[in-house]
Protein backbone atom coordinates (compact mmCIF):
# COMPACT_ATOMS: atom_id res chain seq x y z
CA UNK A 1 -19.12 -15.40 14.29
CA UNK A 2 -15.73 -15.03 16.04
CA UNK A 3 -13.16 -12.91 14.32
CA UNK A 4 -10.36 -14.79 12.65
CA UNK A 5 -7.32 -14.53 10.30
CA UNK A 6 -6.84 -16.18 7.02
CA UNK A 7 -3.91 -18.67 7.58
CA UNK A 8 -3.40 -19.13 3.84
CA UNK A 9 -1.52 -15.75 3.81
CA UNK A 10 1.21 -17.03 6.06
CA UNK A 11 1.59 -20.12 3.92
CA UNK A 12 1.95 -17.98 0.82
CA UNK A 13 4.57 -15.85 2.32
CA UNK A 14 6.72 -18.53 4.12
CA UNK A 15 5.63 -21.92 2.84
CA UNK A 16 4.84 -22.88 6.49
CA UNK A 17 1.51 -23.75 8.09
CA UNK A 18 0.29 -21.19 10.67
CA UNK A 19 -0.72 -22.91 13.94
CA UNK A 20 -4.34 -22.13 14.84
CA UNK A 21 -3.24 -20.55 18.16
CA UNK A 22 -0.37 -18.54 16.64
CA UNK A 23 -2.32 -15.26 16.86
CA UNK A 24 -4.66 -14.02 19.41
CA UNK A 25 -7.61 -12.00 17.80
CA UNK A 26 -9.76 -9.77 20.02
CA UNK A 27 -12.72 -7.55 19.21
CA UNK A 28 -15.89 -8.19 17.18
CA UNK A 29 -16.07 -9.72 13.75
CA UNK A 30 -17.93 -6.80 12.21
CA UNK A 31 -16.68 -3.27 12.89
CA UNK A 32 -17.05 -1.58 9.58
CA UNK A 33 -20.15 -1.11 7.24
CA UNK A 34 -20.56 -3.24 4.10
CA UNK A 35 -20.61 -6.98 3.44
CA UNK A 36 -17.01 -7.42 2.37
CA UNK A 37 -14.81 -8.92 5.14
CA UNK A 38 -12.50 -5.88 5.44
CA UNK A 39 -11.90 -6.55 9.17
CA UNK A 40 -10.47 -10.03 8.43
CA UNK A 41 -8.27 -8.68 5.62
CA UNK A 42 -7.07 -5.91 7.94
CA UNK A 43 -6.57 -8.27 10.95
CA UNK A 44 -4.84 -10.89 8.70
CA UNK A 45 -2.44 -8.49 7.04
CA UNK A 46 -1.47 -6.81 10.33
CA UNK A 47 -1.00 -10.25 11.96
CA UNK A 48 1.14 -11.34 8.96
CA UNK A 49 3.44 -8.39 9.29
CA UNK A 50 3.68 -8.79 13.07
CA UNK A 51 4.35 -12.54 12.82
CA UNK A 52 7.16 -11.79 10.20
CA UNK A 53 8.78 -9.31 12.56
CA UNK A 54 8.49 -11.95 15.34
CA UNK A 55 10.42 -14.49 13.15
CA UNK A 56 13.24 -11.84 12.77
CA UNK A 57 13.31 -11.54 16.63
CA UNK A 58 13.61 -15.32 16.85
CA UNK A 59 16.49 -15.29 14.42
CA UNK A 60 18.21 -12.85 16.81
CA UNK A 61 17.67 -15.14 19.74
CA UNK A 62 14.80 -13.25 21.21
CA UNK A 63 11.50 -15.02 22.14
CA UNK A 64 8.85 -12.92 20.27
CA UNK A 65 5.87 -13.90 22.44
CA UNK A 66 2.33 -14.30 21.15
CA UNK A 67 1.17 -11.91 18.49
CA UNK A 68 -2.24 -10.38 19.03
CA UNK A 69 -4.45 -7.97 16.90
CA UNK A 70 -7.62 -6.27 17.82
CA UNK A 71 -10.11 -5.89 14.95
CA UNK A 72 -11.18 -2.39 16.10
CA UNK A 73 -7.57 -1.27 16.13
CA UNK A 74 -7.08 -2.89 12.77
CA UNK A 75 -10.06 -0.93 11.40
CA UNK A 76 -8.68 2.30 12.75
CA UNK A 77 -5.27 1.59 11.30
CA UNK A 78 -6.87 0.98 7.84
CA UNK A 79 -8.47 4.43 8.14
CA UNK A 80 -5.55 6.21 9.65
CA UNK A 81 -5.48 9.12 7.12
CA UNK A 82 -8.98 10.11 8.22
CA UNK A 83 -8.03 10.35 11.83
CA UNK A 84 -4.80 12.47 11.20
CA UNK A 85 -4.68 15.87 12.76
CA UNK A 86 -1.96 18.40 13.04
CA UNK A 87 -2.31 20.87 15.96
CA UNK A 88 -5.90 19.67 16.30
CA UNK A 89 -6.95 20.39 12.61
CA UNK A 90 -7.39 18.11 9.60
CA UNK A 91 -4.53 18.47 7.01
CA UNK A 92 -6.10 20.18 4.07
CA UNK A 93 -6.42 18.45 0.73
CA UNK A 94 -8.60 19.16 -2.30
CA UNK A 95 -9.17 16.97 -5.33
CA UNK A 96 -12.63 18.35 -6.53
CA UNK A 97 -12.37 16.77 -9.97
CA UNK A 98 -11.78 13.14 -8.75
CA UNK A 99 -14.92 11.09 -8.60
CA UNK A 100 -17.42 8.87 -10.26
CA UNK A 101 -19.07 10.21 -13.49
CA UNK A 102 -22.15 8.90 -15.27
CA UNK A 103 -21.62 8.06 -18.92
CA UNK A 104 -24.38 7.34 -21.38
CA UNK A 105 -24.27 3.67 -20.64
CA UNK A 106 -22.81 3.43 -17.07
CA UNK A 107 -20.24 4.77 -14.69
CA UNK A 108 -16.58 5.61 -14.92
CA UNK A 109 -14.15 6.99 -12.27
CA UNK A 110 -11.66 9.65 -13.01
CA UNK A 111 -8.61 10.01 -10.78
CA UNK A 112 -7.59 13.59 -10.48
CA UNK A 113 -5.65 13.84 -7.30
CA UNK A 114 -2.50 15.08 -9.16
CA UNK A 115 -2.26 17.89 -11.62
CA UNK A 116 -0.83 15.59 -14.41
CA UNK A 117 -3.91 13.46 -14.14
CA UNK A 118 -6.19 16.43 -14.34
CA UNK A 119 -4.29 17.54 -17.48
CA UNK A 120 -4.65 14.00 -18.96
CA UNK A 121 -8.46 14.12 -18.63
CA UNK A 122 -8.55 17.60 -20.11
CA UNK A 123 -6.43 16.50 -23.02
CA UNK A 124 -8.03 13.10 -23.57
CA UNK A 125 -11.65 14.42 -23.51
CA UNK A 126 -10.86 17.98 -24.86
CA UNK A 127 -12.48 19.92 -22.00
CA UNK A 128 -11.54 22.57 -19.45
CA UNK A 129 -10.65 21.65 -15.89
CA UNK A 130 -14.13 22.01 -14.32
CA UNK A 131 -16.42 19.46 -12.92
CA UNK A 132 -19.35 20.74 -14.96
CA UNK A 133 -17.25 20.31 -18.22
CA UNK A 134 -16.20 16.75 -17.13
CA UNK A 135 -19.74 15.75 -16.37
CA UNK A 136 -21.16 17.12 -19.69
CA UNK A 137 -18.67 15.39 -21.90
CA UNK A 138 -18.66 12.09 -20.00
CA UNK A 139 -22.45 11.99 -20.22
CA UNK A 140 -22.39 12.16 -23.91
CA UNK A 141 -19.93 9.32 -24.32
CA UNK A 142 -19.76 5.63 -23.54
CA UNK A 143 -17.89 4.56 -20.43
CA UNK A 144 -15.36 2.53 -22.30
CA UNK A 145 -14.79 5.52 -24.72
CA UNK A 146 -14.05 7.77 -21.68
CA UNK A 147 -11.71 5.26 -20.05
CA UNK A 148 -9.83 4.68 -23.28
CA UNK A 149 -9.41 8.42 -24.00
CA UNK A 150 -8.16 9.24 -20.46
CA UNK A 151 -5.77 6.33 -20.14
CA UNK A 152 -4.53 6.96 -23.59
CA UNK A 153 -3.69 10.48 -22.63
CA UNK A 154 -1.57 9.22 -19.67
CA UNK A 155 -4.32 9.53 -17.04
CA UNK A 156 -6.00 7.23 -14.56
CA UNK A 157 -9.56 6.09 -15.14
CA UNK A 158 -11.66 2.92 -14.64
CA UNK A 159 -15.10 1.71 -15.79
CA UNK A 160 -17.59 0.22 -13.13
CA UNK A 161 -17.53 -3.42 -14.11
CA UNK A 162 -19.31 -6.40 -12.55
CA UNK A 163 -17.42 -9.26 -11.33
CA UNK A 164 -18.31 -11.37 -14.29
CA UNK A 165 -17.27 -8.57 -16.64
CA UNK A 166 -13.97 -8.37 -14.84
CA UNK A 167 -13.35 -12.14 -15.07
CA UNK A 168 -14.09 -12.07 -18.80
CA UNK A 169 -11.59 -9.38 -19.38
CA UNK A 170 -7.93 -10.46 -20.03
CA UNK A 171 -6.66 -8.42 -17.22
CA UNK A 172 -9.24 -9.82 -14.85
CA UNK A 173 -8.23 -13.28 -15.86
CA UNK A 174 -4.50 -12.41 -15.29
CA UNK A 175 -5.16 -10.63 -11.92
CA UNK A 176 -7.42 -13.53 -10.64
CA UNK A 177 -4.32 -15.78 -10.48
CA UNK A 178 -2.12 -13.20 -8.54
CA UNK A 179 -1.02 -14.27 -5.01
CA UNK A 180 -1.05 -11.67 -2.18
CA UNK A 181 2.74 -11.59 -2.43
CA UNK A 182 5.39 -13.14 -4.59
CA UNK A 183 8.95 -13.61 -3.32
CA UNK A 184 11.60 -14.83 -5.78
CA UNK A 185 15.29 -15.15 -5.88
CA UNK A 186 17.02 -12.23 -7.69
CA UNK A 187 20.73 -13.07 -7.47
CA UNK A 188 23.29 -14.99 -5.37
CA UNK A 189 25.23 -13.66 -2.43
CA UNK A 190 26.51 -14.79 0.92
CA UNK A 191 24.07 -14.57 3.84
CA UNK A 192 23.51 -11.01 4.94
CA UNK A 193 24.69 -10.15 8.46
CA UNK A 194 22.12 -8.55 10.71
CA UNK A 195 23.44 -5.99 13.16
CA UNK A 196 22.87 -6.75 16.78
CA UNK A 197 19.57 -5.19 18.02
CA UNK A 198 16.69 -5.87 20.21
CA UNK A 199 14.27 -4.89 17.47
CA UNK A 200 13.22 -7.02 14.51
CA UNK A 201 14.66 -4.66 11.88
CA UNK A 202 17.26 -2.82 13.98
CA UNK A 203 20.20 -1.75 11.72
CA UNK A 204 18.33 -2.56 8.53
CA UNK A 205 18.36 0.32 5.96
CA UNK A 206 15.32 0.77 3.70
CA UNK A 207 14.94 3.12 0.80
CA UNK A 208 11.22 4.08 0.43
CA UNK A 209 10.61 5.21 -3.15
CA UNK A 210 6.78 5.23 -2.92
CA UNK A 211 3.73 7.57 -2.83
CA UNK A 212 0.08 7.69 -2.01
CA UNK A 213 -0.92 4.98 0.47
CA UNK A 214 0.11 1.19 -0.10
CA UNK A 215 3.89 1.69 -0.45
CA UNK A 216 4.25 4.39 2.20
CA UNK A 217 2.24 2.23 4.59
CA UNK A 218 4.66 -0.64 4.01
CA UNK A 219 7.58 1.71 4.88
CA UNK A 220 5.81 2.98 7.96
CA UNK A 221 5.27 -0.52 9.20
CA UNK A 222 8.93 -1.41 8.72
CA UNK A 223 9.96 1.78 10.50
CA UNK A 224 7.77 0.75 13.46
CA UNK A 225 9.66 -2.53 13.63
CA UNK A 226 13.08 -0.76 14.00
CA UNK A 227 14.26 -0.16 10.40
CA UNK A 228 15.96 3.02 9.30
CA UNK A 229 13.65 4.16 6.56
CA UNK A 230 14.50 6.96 4.20
CA UNK A 231 11.72 8.20 2.10
CA UNK A 232 12.96 9.51 -1.21
CA UNK A 233 10.88 12.18 -2.80
CA UNK A 234 11.42 15.24 -5.07
CA UNK A 235 10.55 18.90 -4.85
CA UNK A 236 9.31 18.68 -8.36
CA UNK A 237 6.61 16.01 -7.54
CA UNK A 238 3.21 16.87 -6.07
CA UNK A 239 2.07 15.19 -2.93
CA UNK A 240 -1.19 14.56 -1.16
CA UNK A 241 -0.56 16.26 2.20
CA UNK A 242 -2.69 14.23 4.50
CA UNK A 243 -1.14 10.96 3.17
CA UNK A 244 2.32 12.23 3.29
CA UNK A 245 2.07 13.20 6.92
CA UNK A 246 0.13 10.14 7.95
CA UNK A 247 2.52 7.64 6.26
CA UNK A 248 5.75 9.45 7.20
CA UNK A 249 5.84 8.32 10.76
CA UNK A 250 9.27 7.18 11.81
CA UNK A 251 11.00 7.85 8.53
CA UNK A 252 13.70 10.18 7.28
CA UNK A 253 12.63 12.36 4.40
CA UNK A 254 15.09 13.31 1.61
CA UNK A 255 14.83 14.74 -1.89
CA UNK A 256 16.53 13.23 -4.86
CA UNK A 257 15.79 14.28 -8.41
CA UNK A 258 15.84 11.04 -10.50
CA UNK A 259 15.47 13.08 -13.67
CA UNK A 260 19.10 14.24 -13.39
CA UNK A 261 22.31 12.27 -13.50
CA UNK A 262 23.52 13.73 -10.21
CA UNK A 263 20.27 12.45 -8.68
CA UNK A 264 20.50 8.91 -10.11
CA UNK A 265 24.16 8.88 -8.98
CA UNK A 266 23.10 9.74 -5.47
CA UNK A 267 20.53 6.98 -5.60
CA UNK A 268 23.07 4.40 -6.64
CA UNK A 269 25.19 5.33 -3.66
CA UNK A 270 22.22 5.01 -1.37
CA UNK A 271 21.39 1.65 -2.82
CA UNK A 272 24.92 0.39 -2.29
CA UNK A 273 24.60 0.70 1.42
CA UNK A 274 20.92 -0.25 1.69
CA UNK A 275 19.23 -3.61 2.63
CA UNK A 276 15.87 -2.98 0.96
CA UNK A 277 14.52 -0.89 -1.87
CA UNK A 278 10.80 -0.51 -1.86
CA UNK A 279 9.30 1.23 -4.90
CA UNK A 280 5.98 2.07 -6.23
CA UNK A 281 6.62 3.82 -9.45
CA UNK A 282 4.49 2.82 -12.46
CA UNK A 283 5.78 -0.46 -13.66
CA UNK A 284 8.81 -0.01 -16.00
CA UNK A 285 9.53 3.65 -15.13
CA UNK A 286 12.28 3.01 -12.54
CA UNK A 287 13.89 0.51 -14.84
CA UNK A 288 13.92 3.11 -17.54
CA UNK A 289 16.05 5.24 -15.28
CA UNK A 290 18.63 2.38 -14.85
CA UNK A 291 17.20 0.72 -11.67
CA UNK A 292 15.76 -2.53 -12.69
CA UNK A 293 15.60 -5.12 -9.87
CA UNK A 294 18.57 -6.90 -11.50
CA UNK A 295 20.63 -3.65 -11.63
CA UNK A 296 19.81 -2.91 -7.95
CA UNK A 297 20.96 -6.45 -7.02
CA UNK A 298 24.14 -5.92 -8.88
CA UNK A 299 24.78 -2.72 -6.93
CA UNK A 300 24.06 -4.44 -3.63
CA UNK A 301 24.23 -8.30 -3.60
CA UNK A 302 21.83 -9.63 -0.94
CA UNK A 303 19.41 -6.77 -1.19
CA UNK A 304 15.59 -7.09 -1.20
CA UNK A 305 13.77 -5.26 -3.95
CA UNK A 306 9.97 -4.80 -3.38
CA UNK A 307 7.74 -3.63 -6.30
CA UNK A 308 4.16 -2.51 -5.75
CA UNK A 309 1.75 -2.22 -8.74
CA UNK A 310 -1.92 -1.56 -9.29
CA UNK A 311 -2.89 -4.40 -11.49
CA UNK A 312 -0.02 -6.82 -11.04
CA UNK A 313 2.88 -7.97 -13.22
CA UNK A 314 0.82 -10.06 -15.85
CA UNK A 315 -1.73 -9.11 -18.37
CA UNK A 316 -2.36 -6.16 -20.75
CA UNK A 317 -2.65 -3.75 -17.79
CA UNK A 318 0.52 -4.65 -16.14
CA UNK A 319 1.90 -1.13 -16.88
CA UNK A 320 -1.30 0.77 -16.44
CA UNK A 321 -1.59 3.50 -13.86
CA UNK A 322 -4.00 2.57 -11.01
CA UNK A 323 -5.17 3.34 -7.51
CA UNK A 324 -7.28 1.69 -4.96
CA UNK A 325 -10.55 3.34 -5.99
CA UNK A 326 -9.90 2.38 -9.69
CA UNK A 327 -9.05 -1.14 -8.84
CA UNK A 328 -12.35 -1.39 -6.89
CA UNK A 329 -14.16 -0.12 -9.83
CA UNK A 330 -12.65 -2.36 -12.47
CA UNK A 331 -12.70 -5.58 -10.47
CA UNK A 332 -16.36 -5.66 -9.49
CA UNK A 333 -15.93 -4.64 -5.76
CA UNK A 334 -17.53 -1.14 -6.24
CA UNK A 335 -20.33 -2.62 -8.30
CA UNK A 336 -21.20 -5.24 -5.73
CA UNK A 337 -20.86 -2.64 -2.95
CA UNK A 338 -23.28 -0.32 -4.71
CA UNK A 339 -25.79 -3.06 -5.63
CA UNK A 340 -26.02 -4.59 -2.14
CA UNK A 341 -26.38 -1.07 -0.59
CA UNK A 342 -29.25 -0.23 -3.00
CA UNK A 343 -27.25 2.56 -4.67
CA UNK A 344 -27.66 3.83 -8.19
CA UNK A 345 -23.93 3.57 -8.88
CA UNK A 346 -20.63 2.49 -7.24
CA UNK A 347 -20.44 1.53 -3.55
CA UNK A 348 -16.76 1.70 -2.42
CA UNK A 349 -15.35 -0.21 0.52
CA UNK A 350 -15.64 1.67 3.81
CA UNK A 351 -11.83 2.28 3.86
CA UNK A 352 -9.02 2.18 1.39
CA UNK A 353 -8.63 -1.48 2.15
CA UNK A 354 -6.73 -2.59 -0.93
CA UNK A 355 -4.08 0.10 -0.31
CA UNK A 356 -3.67 -0.51 3.39
CA UNK A 357 -3.74 -4.38 3.18
CA UNK A 358 -1.26 -4.30 0.34
CA UNK A 359 1.09 -2.04 2.44
CA UNK A 360 0.96 -4.46 5.45
CA UNK A 361 1.34 -7.50 3.22
CA UNK A 362 4.24 -5.95 1.47
CA UNK A 363 5.96 -5.21 4.78
CA UNK A 364 5.37 -8.84 5.80
CA UNK A 365 6.88 -10.12 2.54
CA UNK A 366 9.88 -7.77 2.86
CA UNK A 367 10.58 -8.92 6.38
CA UNK A 368 10.23 -12.61 5.28
CA UNK A 369 12.71 -11.87 2.42
CA UNK A 370 15.20 -10.05 4.78
CA UNK A 371 15.07 -13.27 7.02
CA UNK A 372 15.74 -15.48 3.98
CA UNK A 373 18.63 -13.30 2.87
CA UNK A 374 20.05 -13.50 6.37
CA UNK A 375 19.68 -17.32 6.59
CA UNK A 376 20.04 -18.50 3.01
CA UNK A 377 21.95 -15.71 1.26
CA UNK A 378 20.86 -14.18 -2.13
CA UNK A 379 18.93 -11.18 -3.24
CA UNK A 380 15.13 -11.29 -3.29
CA UNK A 381 12.39 -9.73 -5.50
CA UNK A 382 9.16 -9.07 -3.68
CA UNK A 383 6.05 -8.22 -5.81
CA UNK A 384 2.70 -7.22 -4.58
CA UNK A 385 -0.37 -5.50 -6.20
CA UNK A 386 -3.67 -3.86 -5.41
CA UNK A 387 -5.50 -6.25 -7.73
CA UNK A 388 -3.89 -9.27 -6.06
CA UNK A 389 -5.11 -8.06 -2.71
CA UNK A 390 -8.55 -7.37 -4.11
CA UNK A 391 -8.74 -11.01 -5.28
CA UNK A 392 -7.75 -12.20 -1.82
CA UNK A 393 -10.45 -9.91 -0.26
CA UNK A 394 -13.04 -11.34 -2.64
CA UNK A 395 -12.05 -14.95 -1.54
CA UNK A 396 -12.83 -14.20 2.05
CA UNK A 397 -16.55 -14.36 1.39
CA UNK A 398 -19.13 -11.96 2.78
CA UNK A 399 -20.59 -11.03 6.29
CA UNK A 400 -23.86 -9.55 7.29
CA UNK A 401 -23.93 -5.89 6.63
CA UNK A 402 -21.79 -4.12 9.33
CA UNK A 403 -22.57 -1.18 11.60
CA UNK A 404 -23.12 2.24 10.00
CA UNK A 405 -20.35 3.92 11.78
CA UNK A 406 -17.07 3.31 13.81
CA UNK A 407 -15.36 5.41 16.34
CA UNK A 408 -11.60 4.67 16.52
CA UNK A 409 -10.79 7.34 19.11
CA UNK A 410 -9.55 4.63 21.59
CA UNK A 411 -6.52 3.95 19.34
CA UNK A 412 -5.31 7.49 18.88
CA UNK A 413 -2.27 9.21 20.37
CA UNK A 414 -0.70 12.68 20.26
CA UNK A 415 2.98 13.22 19.48
CA UNK A 416 5.03 16.28 18.94
CA UNK A 417 7.22 16.68 15.86
CA UNK A 418 8.64 18.96 13.27
CA UNK A 419 5.12 19.62 11.87
CA UNK A 420 3.56 20.34 15.18
CA UNK A 421 1.40 18.26 17.45
CA UNK A 422 0.15 15.31 15.49
CA UNK A 423 -2.73 13.08 16.39
CA UNK A 424 -2.32 9.59 14.80
CA UNK A 425 -3.51 6.06 15.05
CA UNK A 426 -1.27 4.05 17.29
CA UNK A 427 0.82 1.30 15.54
CA UNK A 428 -1.29 -1.94 15.40
CA UNK A 429 -0.21 -5.43 16.16
CA UNK A 430 1.20 -6.54 19.58
CA UNK A 431 4.59 -8.26 19.69
CA UNK A 432 5.61 -8.75 23.25
CA UNK A 433 9.29 -9.38 22.51
CA UNK A 434 9.60 -5.99 20.96
CA UNK A 435 6.37 -4.06 20.45
CA UNK A 436 6.34 -1.84 17.26
CA UNK A 437 6.60 1.87 17.72
CA UNK A 438 7.74 5.00 15.81
CA UNK A 439 10.59 6.74 17.50
CA UNK A 440 9.48 10.11 16.04
CA UNK A 441 6.74 11.86 14.14
CA UNK A 442 6.78 12.72 10.39
CA UNK A 443 9.66 14.93 9.30
CA UNK A 444 9.23 17.99 7.05
CA UNK A 445 9.47 16.70 3.45
CA UNK A 446 12.97 16.89 2.14
CA UNK A 447 14.47 18.01 5.45
CA UNK A 448 17.02 15.17 5.76
CA UNK A 449 20.18 14.80 3.69
CA UNK A 450 20.14 11.81 1.24
CA UNK A 451 23.06 9.98 2.98
CA UNK A 452 23.18 7.02 5.36
C-alpha cells in the first residue's frame, strides 16, 4: 500500500479540506516494526506543520511550493533522541528504576526519570530506592493499588489496560473525544503585525516553557521555521540530558526561577513582548503562579498560548502527571503491542510516537493560530495532549507487522556548537519557498540572558 497522510488533521486545524495532491509523500509505507501506523502518524504530523508554515509564507506574499515528506526521514525524526551524538558519543542518561513491573494481577509502569518521581514511589510504596525493593513490593500488591499509591504520593504510574478497559474508564471516555488539537479564541485584539521576513516565522518570538519531548519538539520545529525561540528552564530543575540537547536545536536557553517573585516578574516582562507562550507544566501549576491563559492574554493581547498535557483537559485525570510511555500503558496501546508481538507483558511503540507527533501537531496548531491572529486579530488558546494523539493513532488502523529494524543514517548531519560537534537528525519536511533549518546547535543550558 502507498504511504499517505491523514487529511482529517488539516481539517481539524484549519477547517479547510486538504487537496489530495497538496503533499508529496515518498518512501515505503512500512519503515518501523509493529502494526500501529506510526509512519502515517509521523508523516501526517510533519506534513501538517510544514503546510502550516507554508500558509504563513503565502500570507507574506511568498509562494511556498509543494510540501513533501519522506516516510524514512519522518521515522528518523521521531527517533531523533536515539541518534544524538556529541563528539561522536551518546549523551549519558540513566533512569534504572523506570520500567514495567509485574504486580500480583498484571503490570504497572513506574516513571522514575526524575528524582522527585523516584521519591514519590519510595514514599507511596514505603520502600528504598532500589529495583529489587520496587519489584518485591509491587509483586505483593495489585496493579491498581500500586498505581493509586504512587500517583497519590505525587508520582507518575500507569496500569497496563486493554483498549476495552480504557474505554470503560471515565478518563478513557473523556480522552476518546479529544481532537488532535483545539484552537479557541482567548481574547480580542487588533490583528498582529508580522515583521517582514522570507521565513514563515521570521520575527516571531516564542517562549518555550516545556520539558521532556513533546513540548520541546514543538519549539524545535518552530525554531526551524524561523522563530526566535527562548527556552525557559531553571537551575533548580532536573533535566534528561539527551532530550535537552536533542530538542534544544535553534533555541536560546535562559534560566528563570518561577518560585521567586523576581523570576515571575521577569517572565511577565518576557511575555509582554512575546508572540507565543508554549507551556507543558502539569495542568494548573502555571496558573497557580499567576500565568493562566487569560492572564497571559491580558499581558499581551494577540498572543497565542499553547498548553500540552498528558491526558487532556477533560475527565478525572485532567490534572494527572503523565508521559508517553504511561499513556501507552493506560490507553491499550502497550497491551495490544505486547499481545500482537507474543510478549508476556507490555509492547510499546517502536518510537516515542505520542510525544513526537504531539510536538509536531502542536507546532502546526501554533502556526495556524499565529496566522489567525495576523489576519483576524485576537488571542488564541491552543490545546493538545498525548492522549488525544494516541486516540488519533488508534483511528489510523493497522498495517502488516513492519521490519525488525531501521537505519536512519541517511538523514543525519554534523554541526559544531557550544556543546561540541553534534550529530543530529536533519529537520524533516520540505518547503521549497523557505526550507526549514536550524541556524545553530543547542546552547549550553541557561547560557543566554532572559531578555529579548
